N, C-alpha and C. Protein backbone atom coordinates (compact mmCIF):
# COMPACT_ATOMS: atom_id res chain seq x y z
N UNK A 1 0.68 -1.38 0.19
CA UNK A 1 -0.03 -0.03 0.04
C UNK A 1 0.78 1.12 0.15
N UNK A 2 0.48 2.15 -0.56
CA UNK A 2 1.37 3.41 -1.20
C UNK A 2 1.01 4.27 0.32
N UNK A 3 2.21 5.19 1.17
CA UNK A 3 2.20 5.95 1.93
C UNK A 3 1.02 7.02 1.76
N UNK A 4 0.34 7.35 0.34
CA UNK A 4 -0.69 8.09 0.38
C UNK A 4 -1.89 7.59 0.76
N UNK A 5 -2.24 6.26 0.06
CA UNK A 5 -3.06 5.83 0.54
C UNK A 5 -3.29 4.95 2.30
N UNK A 6 -2.09 5.14 2.48
CA UNK A 6 -2.09 4.86 3.98
C UNK A 6 -2.94 5.77 4.95
N UNK A 7 -2.58 7.23 4.34
CA UNK A 7 -2.38 8.31 5.22
C UNK A 7 -4.27 8.45 5.08
N UNK A 8 -4.49 8.13 3.62
CA UNK A 8 -6.18 8.38 3.25
C UNK A 8 -6.85 7.75 4.39
N UNK A 9 -6.52 6.41 4.18
CA UNK A 9 -6.99 5.18 4.56
C UNK A 9 -7.52 5.82 6.56
N UNK A 10 -5.73 6.17 6.69
CA UNK A 10 -6.11 6.45 8.06
C UNK A 10 -7.11 7.87 8.39
N UNK A 11 -7.04 8.37 8.02
CA UNK A 11 -7.94 9.24 7.94
C UNK A 11 -9.32 9.76 8.15
N UNK A 12 -9.71 8.36 6.91
CA UNK A 12 -11.20 7.91 7.17
C UNK A 12 -11.65 7.12 8.19
N UNK A 13 -10.69 6.20 8.54
CA UNK A 13 -11.17 5.75 9.18
C UNK A 13 -11.41 6.34 10.82
N UNK A 14 -10.96 7.74 10.97
CA UNK A 14 -10.38 8.19 12.05
C UNK A 14 -11.72 8.85 12.03
N UNK A 15 -11.92 9.77 10.59
CA UNK A 15 -13.05 10.65 10.57
C UNK A 15 -14.68 9.93 10.84
N UNK A 16 -14.69 8.76 10.03
CA UNK A 16 -15.98 8.00 9.62
C UNK A 16 -16.40 6.84 10.92
N UNK A 17 -15.07 6.26 10.44
CA UNK A 17 -15.55 4.76 11.77
C UNK A 17 -15.15 5.55 13.31
N UNK A 18 -14.46 6.53 13.37
CA UNK A 18 -14.16 7.00 14.71
C UNK A 18 -15.73 7.84 15.23
N UNK A 19 -16.10 8.33 14.11
CA UNK A 19 -17.23 9.04 14.54
C UNK A 19 -18.14 9.01 14.70
N UNK A 20 -18.76 7.31 14.43
CA UNK A 20 -19.67 6.69 14.58
C UNK A 20 -19.39 5.52 15.75
N UNK A 21 -18.26 5.56 16.25
CA UNK A 21 -18.24 4.65 17.23
C UNK A 21 -18.67 5.80 18.42
N UNK A 22 -17.94 6.75 18.45
CA UNK A 22 -18.16 7.87 19.72
C UNK A 22 -19.58 8.67 19.92
N UNK A 23 -20.10 8.03 18.39
CA UNK A 23 -21.83 8.63 18.73
C UNK A 23 -22.78 7.08 19.24
N UNK A 24 -22.35 6.06 19.31
CA UNK A 24 -22.84 4.99 19.65
C UNK A 24 -22.67 5.12 21.18
N UNK A 25 -21.28 5.38 21.45
CA UNK A 25 -20.76 5.23 23.07
C UNK A 25 -21.91 6.20 23.76
N UNK A 26 -21.49 7.20 23.14
CA UNK A 26 -22.69 8.78 24.03
C UNK A 26 -24.01 8.34 24.41
N UNK A 27 -24.33 7.77 22.53
CA UNK A 27 -25.89 7.54 22.84
C UNK A 27 -26.36 6.41 24.16
N UNK A 28 -25.37 5.27 24.26
CA UNK A 28 -25.69 4.78 25.62
C UNK A 28 -25.52 5.00 26.64
N UNK A 29 -24.42 5.62 26.97
CA UNK A 29 -23.98 6.39 28.00
C UNK A 29 -25.25 7.52 28.28
N UNK A 30 -26.02 7.93 27.79
CA UNK A 30 -26.85 9.17 28.30
C UNK A 30 -28.46 7.53 27.93
N UNK A 31 -28.41 6.38 27.87
CA UNK A 31 -29.69 5.78 27.92
C UNK A 31 -29.00 5.43 29.16
N UNK A 32 -28.06 4.58 29.54
CA UNK A 32 -27.63 4.26 31.13
C UNK A 32 -28.33 5.19 32.28
N UNK A 33 -27.81 6.58 31.99
CA UNK A 33 -28.45 7.76 32.59
C UNK A 33 -29.80 7.51 33.41
N UNK A 34 -30.46 7.53 32.30
CA UNK A 34 -31.94 7.44 32.73
C UNK A 34 -32.29 6.07 32.86
N UNK A 35 -32.07 5.40 32.59
CA UNK A 35 -32.72 3.37 32.94
C UNK A 35 -32.67 3.35 34.71
N UNK A 36 -33.66 2.54 34.82
CA UNK A 36 -33.73 2.12 36.41
C UNK A 36 -32.56 1.52 37.05
N UNK A 37 -32.70 0.37 37.70
CA UNK A 37 -31.53 -0.19 38.63
C UNK A 37 -31.90 -1.53 38.05
N UNK A 38 -32.63 -2.11 37.22
CA UNK A 38 -32.89 -3.48 36.70
C UNK A 38 -31.45 -4.13 36.46
N UNK A 39 -30.58 -5.14 36.89
CA UNK A 39 -29.64 -5.47 37.21
C UNK A 39 -29.11 -6.11 35.76
N UNK A 40 -30.43 -6.39 35.12
CA UNK A 40 -29.95 -7.43 33.60
C UNK A 40 -29.63 -7.03 32.67
N UNK A 41 -30.25 -5.70 32.59
CA UNK A 41 -30.34 -4.76 31.99
C UNK A 41 -29.36 -3.57 31.69
N UNK A 42 -28.70 -3.39 33.14
CA UNK A 42 -27.85 -2.35 33.39
C UNK A 42 -26.37 -3.26 32.62
N UNK A 43 -26.48 -4.71 33.11
CA UNK A 43 -25.13 -5.54 32.84
C UNK A 43 -25.18 -5.38 31.82
N UNK A 44 -26.17 -5.98 30.85
CA UNK A 44 -25.98 -5.66 29.44
C UNK A 44 -25.96 -4.77 28.56
N UNK A 45 -26.29 -3.27 28.91
CA UNK A 45 -25.73 -2.02 28.64
C UNK A 45 -24.28 -2.36 28.82
N UNK A 46 -23.95 -1.99 29.68
CA UNK A 46 -22.37 -2.36 30.54
C UNK A 46 -21.44 -3.09 29.59
N UNK A 47 -22.28 -4.02 29.16
CA UNK A 47 -21.15 -4.78 28.17
C UNK A 47 -21.17 -4.35 26.94
N UNK A 48 -22.37 -3.82 26.31
CA UNK A 48 -22.59 -2.96 25.43
C UNK A 48 -21.23 -1.89 24.85
N UNK A 49 -21.40 -1.36 26.25
CA UNK A 49 -20.36 0.32 26.58
C UNK A 49 -18.89 -0.52 26.02
N UNK A 50 -18.61 -1.80 27.22
CA UNK A 50 -17.34 -2.14 27.00
C UNK A 50 -16.99 -2.87 25.50
N UNK A 51 -17.68 -3.22 24.33
CA UNK A 51 -17.34 -3.72 23.12
C UNK A 51 -17.24 -2.20 22.37
N UNK A 52 -17.97 -1.39 22.43
CA UNK A 52 -17.76 -0.03 21.79
C UNK A 52 -16.17 0.62 22.25
N UNK A 53 -15.88 0.46 23.51
CA UNK A 53 -14.62 1.01 24.27
C UNK A 53 -13.20 -0.06 23.56
N UNK A 54 -13.69 -1.05 23.21
CA UNK A 54 -12.77 -2.37 22.49
C UNK A 54 -12.49 -1.46 21.23
N UNK A 55 -13.66 -1.24 20.56
CA UNK A 55 -14.13 -0.97 19.03
C UNK A 55 -13.10 0.36 18.98
N UNK A 56 -13.13 0.97 20.35
CA UNK A 56 -12.47 2.42 19.63
C UNK A 56 -10.86 2.11 20.22
N UNK A 57 -10.37 1.57 20.97
CA UNK A 57 -9.36 1.44 21.07
C UNK A 57 -8.75 0.48 20.14
N UNK A 58 -9.38 -0.32 19.29
CA UNK A 58 -8.83 -1.65 18.18
C UNK A 58 -8.53 -0.32 16.61
N UNK A 59 -9.76 0.91 16.33
CA UNK A 59 -9.32 2.03 15.65
C UNK A 59 -8.08 2.84 16.07
N UNK A 60 -7.88 3.04 17.11
CA UNK A 60 -6.54 4.27 17.54
C UNK A 60 -5.19 3.14 16.82
N UNK A 61 -5.40 1.58 17.74
CA UNK A 61 -4.06 1.27 16.98
C UNK A 61 -3.68 0.85 15.67
N UNK A 62 -5.35 0.69 14.85
CA UNK A 62 -5.16 0.30 13.35
C UNK A 62 -4.79 1.56 12.86
N UNK A 63 -5.17 2.67 13.04
CA UNK A 63 -4.55 4.41 12.88
C UNK A 63 -2.96 4.42 13.25
N UNK A 64 -2.88 3.56 14.52
CA UNK A 64 -1.02 4.77 14.43
C UNK A 64 -0.54 3.05 13.75
N UNK A 65 -1.03 1.97 13.05
CA UNK A 65 -0.39 1.40 12.26
C UNK A 65 -0.07 1.40 10.99
N UNK A 66 -0.87 2.16 10.56
CA UNK A 66 -1.11 3.09 9.20
C UNK A 66 -0.32 4.03 9.23
N UNK A 67 -0.39 4.79 9.77
CA UNK A 67 0.84 6.17 9.96
C UNK A 67 0.55 7.06 11.52
N UNK A 68 1.84 6.49 11.98
CA UNK A 68 2.23 6.63 13.09
C UNK A 68 1.45 8.41 13.75
N UNK A 69 0.94 8.53 14.55
CA UNK A 69 0.54 9.75 15.04
C UNK A 69 1.36 10.98 15.42
N UNK A 70 2.60 10.07 16.24
CA UNK A 70 3.98 10.83 16.10
C UNK A 70 4.69 12.00 14.84
N UNK A 71 4.86 11.27 14.30
CA UNK A 71 5.14 11.81 13.07
C UNK A 71 4.29 12.83 12.45
N UNK A 72 3.05 12.80 12.06
CA UNK A 72 2.19 14.38 11.74
C UNK A 72 2.37 15.43 12.65
N UNK A 73 2.77 14.41 14.28
CA UNK A 73 2.66 15.71 15.33
C UNK A 73 3.78 16.96 15.75
N UNK A 74 5.11 16.01 15.58
CA UNK A 74 6.41 16.14 16.55
C UNK A 74 7.61 15.89 14.86
N UNK A 75 7.09 15.19 13.97
CA UNK A 75 8.20 15.21 12.70
C UNK A 75 9.53 14.09 13.28
N UNK A 76 9.89 13.69 12.69
CA UNK A 76 10.92 12.21 12.27
C UNK A 76 12.01 12.49 13.26
N UNK A 77 12.34 13.50 13.79
CA UNK A 77 13.45 13.69 14.95
C UNK A 77 12.61 13.34 16.59
N UNK A 78 12.04 13.99 16.43
CA UNK A 78 11.32 13.81 17.82
C UNK A 78 10.54 12.62 17.99
N UNK A 79 9.71 12.12 16.88
CA UNK A 79 9.19 10.82 16.91
C UNK A 79 10.08 9.68 17.34
N UNK A 80 11.01 9.42 16.45
CA UNK A 80 12.02 8.75 17.15
C UNK A 80 12.72 9.06 18.29
N UNK A 81 12.97 10.14 18.74
CA UNK A 81 13.68 10.15 20.29
C UNK A 81 12.61 9.56 21.47
N UNK A 82 11.34 9.67 20.69
CA UNK A 82 9.94 9.41 21.65
C UNK A 82 9.94 7.99 21.44
N UNK A 83 10.57 7.29 20.40
CA UNK A 83 10.39 6.08 20.32
C UNK A 83 11.86 5.45 21.11
N UNK A 84 12.38 5.73 21.36
CA UNK A 84 13.86 5.63 22.20
C UNK A 84 13.37 5.64 22.74
N UNK A 85 12.75 6.80 24.17
CA UNK A 85 12.47 7.14 25.68
C UNK A 85 11.72 5.64 25.66
N UNK A 86 10.50 5.38 25.22
CA UNK A 86 9.44 4.76 25.38
C UNK A 86 10.44 2.83 25.42
N UNK A 87 11.36 2.44 24.55
CA UNK A 87 11.87 1.12 24.53
C UNK A 87 13.22 1.28 25.62
N UNK A 88 14.16 2.67 26.33
CA UNK A 88 14.23 2.79 27.47
C UNK A 88 13.87 2.74 28.73
N UNK A 89 12.47 3.23 29.05
CA UNK A 89 11.51 2.66 29.90
C UNK A 89 11.39 0.92 30.15
N UNK A 90 11.20 0.57 28.75
CA UNK A 90 10.29 -0.95 28.87
C UNK A 90 11.71 -1.79 28.71
N UNK A 91 12.40 -1.16 28.27
CA UNK A 91 13.46 -2.41 28.67
C UNK A 91 14.60 -2.20 29.69
N UNK A 92 14.70 -1.03 30.12
CA UNK A 92 15.19 -0.56 31.75
C UNK A 92 16.55 -0.80 31.35
N UNK A 93 16.65 -0.67 29.98
CA UNK A 93 18.43 -0.68 29.64
C UNK A 93 18.59 1.61 29.16
N UNK A 94 20.08 2.04 29.10
CA UNK A 94 20.09 3.31 28.37
C UNK A 94 19.75 3.30 26.67
N UNK A 95 19.02 3.84 26.24
CA UNK A 95 18.96 3.75 25.06
C UNK A 95 19.62 5.13 24.45
N UNK A 96 20.67 4.93 24.04
CA UNK A 96 21.63 6.29 23.40
C UNK A 96 21.39 6.89 21.99
N UNK A 97 21.32 8.12 21.94
CA UNK A 97 20.39 8.73 20.64
C UNK A 97 22.10 10.09 20.29
N UNK A 98 21.71 10.02 18.65
CA UNK A 98 22.56 10.63 17.95
C UNK A 98 21.65 11.08 17.05
N UNK A 99 20.50 12.29 16.85
CA UNK A 99 19.64 12.16 16.39
C UNK A 99 19.78 13.73 15.43
N UNK A 100 20.31 13.23 14.30
CA UNK A 100 20.45 14.83 13.18
C UNK A 100 18.70 15.78 12.90
N UNK A 101 18.69 16.73 12.64
CA UNK A 101 17.82 17.23 12.23
C UNK A 101 17.22 17.29 10.73
N UNK A 102 16.51 16.00 11.02
CA UNK A 102 15.91 15.42 9.29
C UNK A 102 14.72 16.16 8.79
N UNK A 103 14.48 16.53 7.95
CA UNK A 103 13.28 16.91 7.71
C UNK A 103 12.62 16.19 6.18
N UNK A 104 11.92 15.56 6.69
CA UNK A 104 11.73 14.02 6.03
C UNK A 104 10.56 14.01 5.54
N UNK A 105 10.17 13.83 4.02
CA UNK A 105 8.57 13.34 3.83
C UNK A 105 8.17 12.16 3.58
N UNK A 106 6.67 11.88 3.49
CA UNK A 106 6.68 10.57 3.01
C UNK A 106 7.06 10.15 1.98
N UNK A 107 7.29 8.54 1.67
CA UNK A 107 7.30 7.71 2.70
C UNK A 107 8.70 8.05 3.37
N UNK A 108 9.86 7.90 3.04
CA UNK A 108 10.89 8.13 3.70
C UNK A 108 10.59 8.51 5.12
N UNK A 109 9.81 9.38 5.50
CA UNK A 109 9.76 9.27 7.28
C UNK A 109 9.58 7.88 8.06
N UNK A 110 8.35 7.58 7.55
CA UNK A 110 7.60 6.28 8.02
C UNK A 110 8.58 4.86 7.77
N UNK A 111 9.54 4.98 6.67
CA UNK A 111 10.30 3.98 6.54
C UNK A 111 11.41 4.10 7.88
N UNK A 112 11.51 5.55 7.76
CA UNK A 112 12.65 5.51 8.65
C UNK A 112 12.51 5.16 10.04
N UNK A 113 11.66 5.38 10.68
CA UNK A 113 10.41 5.23 11.82
C UNK A 113 10.28 3.66 12.28
N UNK A 114 9.66 3.18 11.11
CA UNK A 114 9.62 1.71 11.29
C UNK A 114 10.83 0.99 11.20
N UNK A 115 11.93 1.51 10.78
CA UNK A 115 13.19 0.99 10.55
C UNK A 115 13.64 0.91 12.43
N UNK A 116 13.51 1.93 12.93
CA UNK A 116 14.48 2.13 14.35
C UNK A 116 13.31 1.61 14.87
N UNK A 117 11.86 1.85 14.95
CA UNK A 117 11.35 0.60 15.63
C UNK A 117 11.15 -0.74 15.75
N UNK A 118 11.50 -1.21 14.70
CA UNK A 118 11.25 -2.93 14.41
C UNK A 118 12.83 -3.23 15.10
N UNK A 119 13.78 -2.21 14.96
CA UNK A 119 15.17 -2.60 15.81
C UNK A 119 14.78 -2.75 16.89
N UNK A 120 14.64 -1.76 17.74
CA UNK A 120 14.15 -1.59 19.31
C UNK A 120 13.45 -2.88 19.69
N UNK A 121 12.35 -3.37 19.05
CA UNK A 121 11.61 -4.32 18.87
C UNK A 121 12.19 -5.58 19.29
N UNK A 122 13.28 -5.81 17.93
CA UNK A 122 14.21 -6.97 18.28
C UNK A 122 15.00 -7.16 19.15
N UNK A 123 15.57 -5.68 19.69
CA UNK A 123 16.85 -5.78 20.82
C UNK A 123 15.98 -6.08 21.99
N UNK A 124 14.86 -5.66 22.45
CA UNK A 124 13.67 -6.01 23.40
C UNK A 124 13.76 -7.53 23.35
N UNK A 125 13.10 -7.76 22.69
CA UNK A 125 13.47 -9.78 22.31
C UNK A 125 14.12 -10.30 22.39
N UNK A 126 15.10 -9.86 21.69
CA UNK A 126 16.32 -10.90 21.62
C UNK A 126 17.58 -11.00 21.80
N UNK A 127 18.11 -9.88 21.89
CA UNK A 127 19.41 -9.50 22.23
C UNK A 127 19.83 -9.67 23.70
N UNK A 128 19.01 -8.92 24.82
CA UNK A 128 19.63 -9.50 25.87
C UNK A 128 20.84 -8.46 26.03
N UNK A 129 20.58 -7.30 25.82
CA UNK A 129 21.42 -6.20 25.70
C UNK A 129 21.21 -5.62 26.95
N UNK A 130 22.38 -4.67 27.53
CA UNK A 130 22.27 -3.69 28.44
C UNK A 130 22.59 -1.72 27.91
N UNK A 131 22.40 -2.14 26.76
CA UNK A 131 22.52 -0.86 25.92
C UNK A 131 22.28 -0.86 24.53
N UNK A 132 21.72 0.51 24.33
CA UNK A 132 21.42 -0.01 22.66
C UNK A 132 21.95 1.62 22.31
N UNK A 133 22.54 1.95 21.06
CA UNK A 133 22.11 3.36 20.26
C UNK A 133 21.21 3.66 19.37
N UNK A 134 20.97 4.64 19.09
CA UNK A 134 20.63 5.06 17.60
C UNK A 134 20.69 6.18 17.02
N UNK A 135 21.11 6.02 15.57
CA UNK A 135 21.86 6.95 14.95
C UNK A 135 21.50 7.52 14.14
N UNK A 136 20.96 8.59 13.70
CA UNK A 136 20.62 9.18 12.51
C UNK A 136 21.25 10.27 11.80
N UNK A 137 22.00 9.92 10.63
CA UNK A 137 22.51 10.98 9.95
C UNK A 137 22.61 10.95 8.39
N UNK A 138 22.60 12.68 7.82
CA UNK A 138 22.63 12.47 6.51
C UNK A 138 22.93 13.54 5.92
N UNK A 139 23.06 13.43 4.84
CA UNK A 139 23.44 15.08 3.62
C UNK A 139 22.03 15.15 2.72
N UNK A 140 22.36 15.74 1.85
CA UNK A 140 21.48 16.71 0.79
C UNK A 140 20.92 14.91 -0.04
N UNK A 141 21.35 13.87 -0.48
CA UNK A 141 21.60 13.10 -1.28
C UNK A 141 20.52 11.85 -0.10
N UNK A 142 20.80 11.90 0.77
CA UNK A 142 20.87 10.41 1.70
C UNK A 142 20.44 10.95 3.09
N UNK A 143 20.27 9.38 3.68
CA UNK A 143 20.08 9.82 5.01
C UNK A 143 20.61 8.25 5.56
N UNK A 144 21.34 8.07 6.73
CA UNK A 144 21.68 6.84 6.94
C UNK A 144 20.98 6.96 8.43
N UNK A 145 20.59 5.71 8.93
CA UNK A 145 20.40 5.25 10.03
C UNK A 145 20.81 3.56 10.79
N UNK A 146 21.43 4.06 11.69
CA UNK A 146 22.09 2.77 12.63
C UNK A 146 21.77 2.60 13.74
N UNK A 147 20.95 1.48 14.16
CA UNK A 147 20.73 0.85 15.76
C UNK A 147 22.26 -0.49 16.03
N UNK A 148 22.21 -0.30 16.97
CA UNK A 148 23.74 -1.14 17.71
C UNK A 148 22.77 -1.65 18.85
N UNK A 149 23.45 -2.66 19.47
CA UNK A 149 23.04 -3.15 20.82
C UNK A 149 24.49 -3.86 21.27
N UNK A 150 24.38 -4.12 22.68
CA UNK A 150 25.43 -4.91 22.88
C UNK A 150 25.28 -6.15 23.36
N UNK A 151 24.70 -6.90 23.21
CA UNK A 151 23.88 -8.50 23.31
C UNK A 151 24.31 -9.20 22.78
N UNK A 152 23.37 -10.59 22.81
CA UNK A 152 24.14 -11.75 22.70
C UNK A 152 24.61 -11.85 21.14
N UNK A 153 24.43 -11.18 20.36
CA UNK A 153 24.14 -10.91 18.80
C UNK A 153 23.67 -12.21 18.25
N UNK A 154 24.14 -13.09 16.78
CA UNK A 154 23.65 -14.01 16.36
C UNK A 154 25.45 -14.24 15.38
N UNK A 155 25.03 -15.69 14.82
CA UNK A 155 25.83 -16.28 13.64
C UNK A 155 24.68 -16.00 12.69
N UNK A 156 25.12 -15.55 11.28
CA UNK A 156 24.70 -15.28 10.35
C UNK A 156 24.10 -16.24 9.49
N UNK A 157 24.81 -17.53 9.84
CA UNK A 157 24.17 -18.87 8.77
C UNK A 157 23.06 -19.25 9.94
N UNK A 158 22.69 -18.62 10.46
CA UNK A 158 21.67 -19.61 11.38
C UNK A 158 20.18 -19.01 11.35
N UNK A 159 19.02 -19.27 11.51
CA UNK A 159 17.82 -18.33 10.82
C UNK A 159 17.87 -17.73 12.45
N UNK A 160 17.67 -16.78 11.76
CA UNK A 160 17.55 -14.97 12.76
C UNK A 160 16.14 -15.67 13.38
N UNK A 161 16.19 -15.00 14.78
CA UNK A 161 15.42 -14.30 15.74
C UNK A 161 14.90 -13.08 14.95
N UNK A 162 13.08 -13.59 14.75
CA UNK A 162 12.52 -12.05 14.13
C UNK A 162 13.00 -11.93 13.08
N UNK A 163 13.54 -13.00 11.75
CA UNK A 163 13.79 -12.67 10.79
C UNK A 163 12.62 -11.79 9.84
N UNK A 164 11.39 -12.62 10.11
CA UNK A 164 10.63 -11.70 9.68
C UNK A 164 10.32 -10.36 9.93
N UNK A 165 10.20 -9.76 10.99
CA UNK A 165 10.34 -8.37 11.04
C UNK A 165 11.89 -7.79 10.29
N UNK A 166 12.79 -8.31 10.25
CA UNK A 166 14.12 -8.01 9.35
C UNK A 166 13.70 -7.85 8.00
N UNK A 167 13.36 -8.94 7.41
CA UNK A 167 12.76 -8.96 5.93
C UNK A 167 11.98 -8.27 5.67
N UNK A 168 11.24 -7.51 6.52
CA UNK A 168 10.47 -6.62 6.08
C UNK A 168 10.50 -5.30 6.41
N UNK A 169 11.57 -5.20 7.18
CA UNK A 169 12.49 -3.44 6.92
C UNK A 169 13.38 -3.50 5.93
N UNK A 170 13.67 -4.69 5.44
CA UNK A 170 14.68 -4.67 4.26
C UNK A 170 14.01 -4.95 3.04
N UNK A 171 12.63 -4.62 3.12
CA UNK A 171 11.74 -4.58 1.49
C UNK A 171 11.84 -3.07 2.13
N UNK A 172 10.67 -2.80 2.74
CA UNK A 172 11.04 -1.18 2.94
C UNK A 172 12.06 0.05 2.76
N UNK A 173 12.59 -0.52 2.89
CA UNK A 173 14.52 0.10 2.43
C UNK A 173 14.50 0.19 1.28
N UNK A 174 14.80 -1.15 0.58
CA UNK A 174 14.62 -1.25 -0.48
C UNK A 174 13.85 -0.89 -1.69
N UNK A 175 12.89 -0.64 -1.20
CA UNK A 175 12.00 -0.03 -2.04
C UNK A 175 11.48 1.21 -2.30
N UNK A 176 12.54 1.72 -1.61
CA UNK A 176 12.74 3.19 -2.03
C UNK A 176 14.15 3.81 -2.57
N UNK A 177 14.87 2.03 -2.87
CA UNK A 177 16.09 2.40 -3.61
C UNK A 177 17.20 2.71 -2.30
N UNK A 178 16.89 2.35 -1.09
CA UNK A 178 17.97 1.98 -0.41
C UNK A 178 18.63 1.03 -0.29
N UNK A 179 19.97 0.74 1.00
CA UNK A 179 20.32 -0.50 1.03
C UNK A 179 20.82 -0.68 2.94
N UNK A 180 19.96 -2.25 2.93
CA UNK A 180 20.05 -2.50 4.49
C UNK A 180 21.31 -3.41 4.17
N UNK A 181 22.14 -2.84 6.08
CA UNK A 181 23.11 -4.23 6.21
C UNK A 181 22.80 -4.12 7.69
N UNK A 182 23.45 -6.00 7.88
CA UNK A 182 23.34 -6.30 9.15
C UNK A 182 24.50 -6.98 9.82
N UNK A 183 25.44 -6.80 10.93
CA UNK A 183 26.60 -6.84 11.36
C UNK A 183 26.26 -7.26 12.99
N UNK A 184 26.85 -8.91 12.58
CA UNK A 184 26.35 -9.42 14.17
C UNK A 184 27.27 -11.12 14.43
N UNK A 185 28.02 -11.35 15.64
CA UNK A 185 28.19 -12.36 15.44
C UNK A 185 28.08 -12.90 17.24
N UNK A 186 28.19 -13.71 17.25
CA UNK A 186 27.73 -14.76 18.63
C UNK A 186 28.74 -13.83 19.83
N UNK A 187 28.03 -12.93 21.00
CA UNK A 187 28.81 -12.28 21.90
C UNK A 187 29.23 -11.41 21.49
N UNK A 188 28.60 -10.81 20.32
CA UNK A 188 29.42 -9.35 19.69
C UNK A 188 28.09 -8.10 19.51
N UNK A 189 27.42 -8.56 19.80
CA UNK A 189 26.18 -7.37 19.62
C UNK A 189 25.21 -7.53 18.29
N UNK A 190 25.47 -6.53 18.17
CA UNK A 190 24.36 -6.59 16.13
C UNK A 190 24.13 -4.97 16.33
N UNK A 191 24.34 -4.93 14.57
CA UNK A 191 24.65 -3.33 14.59
C UNK A 191 23.72 -3.73 13.08
N UNK A 192 22.37 -2.91 12.76
CA UNK A 192 21.84 -2.93 11.57
C UNK A 192 21.72 -1.41 10.69
N UNK A 193 21.97 -1.36 9.69
CA UNK A 193 22.42 -0.14 9.01
C UNK A 193 21.20 0.75 8.04
N UNK A 194 21.02 1.17 7.54
CA UNK A 194 20.40 1.69 6.40
C UNK A 194 20.76 2.77 5.85
N UNK A 195 20.75 2.88 4.41
CA UNK A 195 20.65 4.24 3.92
C UNK A 195 19.96 4.32 2.47
N UNK A 196 19.21 5.54 2.85
CA UNK A 196 18.07 5.94 2.08
C UNK A 196 18.58 6.65 1.24
N UNK A 197 18.24 7.05 -0.17
CA UNK A 197 18.36 8.38 -0.74
C UNK A 197 17.14 8.87 -0.57
N UNK A 198 17.54 10.31 -0.65
CA UNK A 198 16.49 11.54 -0.66
C UNK A 198 16.36 12.92 -1.45
N UNK A 199 17.26 12.55 -2.87
CA UNK A 199 16.49 13.22 -3.67
C UNK A 199 15.15 12.97 -4.17
N UNK A 200 15.05 12.36 -4.59
CA UNK A 200 13.65 11.84 -5.50
C UNK A 200 12.63 12.38 -4.27
N UNK A 201 12.34 12.74 -3.56
CA UNK A 201 11.58 12.79 -2.49
C UNK A 201 11.52 14.13 -1.60
N UNK A 202 12.38 15.44 -1.97
CA UNK A 202 11.93 16.64 -1.79
C UNK A 202 12.60 16.72 -0.02
N UNK A 203 13.39 15.57 0.28
CA UNK A 203 13.68 15.84 1.86
C UNK A 203 15.01 17.20 1.94
N UNK A 204 14.81 17.80 3.36
CA UNK A 204 16.38 18.04 3.23
C UNK A 204 16.94 17.60 4.66
N UNK A 205 18.41 17.97 5.13
CA UNK A 205 18.75 17.49 6.50
C UNK A 205 18.91 19.33 7.02
N UNK A 206 18.40 19.40 8.06
CA UNK A 206 19.24 20.65 9.25
C UNK A 206 20.65 20.62 9.76
N UNK A 207 20.86 21.89 10.35
CA UNK A 207 22.12 21.74 11.04
C UNK A 207 22.13 20.88 12.53
N UNK A 208 20.64 21.45 13.01
CA UNK A 208 20.37 21.37 14.56
C UNK A 208 20.50 19.58 14.73
N UNK A 209 21.26 19.52 15.95
CA UNK A 209 21.62 17.80 16.18
C UNK A 209 20.69 18.22 17.71
N UNK A 210 20.26 16.56 18.15
CA UNK A 210 20.25 16.26 19.38
C UNK A 210 20.88 15.02 19.93
C-alpha cells in the first residue's frame, strides 16, 4: 500500500468510523443515565459500552499502524526520540541517541520510523543487551540510520530470531532504492544499518542535532 493510500485510509477511519463509534458510545451512556436499576439490563448495557470501548481502542491501534500520529505532530527526529525513550523505559536499559535534524517527507519518514521501531523491538525480544544506540545522519542525497546493541548477537548462517521483521525492514528500505546491512556475531552484539536516497522525495537535512 502506498504512503498516500495509508494516510487516506487512516483519515477515513478516524473521521468516519471514529465518529460512529463515539456517537454510539455517547448514546448508550445517556441511556444508562436514564435507566432504572434493573440488574440484567444494566449488565447488558455495560457490556455493550465495553465492546464499543474495545472497538475505539482497536481503531486507534489501526490508525497508529497505518500512520503514527507522532510523525504528523512531532516530525521524524522527535518521533524517533520518543520511540527511544519508550524503549528505554520498557527494556530498563540506556538507549543513547545521536539524531540529526532531518526534515523528511512521506514515505521516507515512515520507513525511518519503522526501521528504528522494529530494530528496538528485536533488541527487546532477543538481544539480552545492557545498552543500545540509535543514530540518524544525513546529507543532501541520503540519510543513514544505525541501531546497535551490545547483546548476545547471532551467527549469520543460522535462522535469525525476528527474521520476518528484518525481512520487512529490508523490503521497505529497498523499495525506496535504499540498502540495509546487518553485522553480528555470537557475543558481539548487533549493528543494523540502512541508507536511504532522499533527492527523489524532496527531503532536506538541517544543522541542529540532539
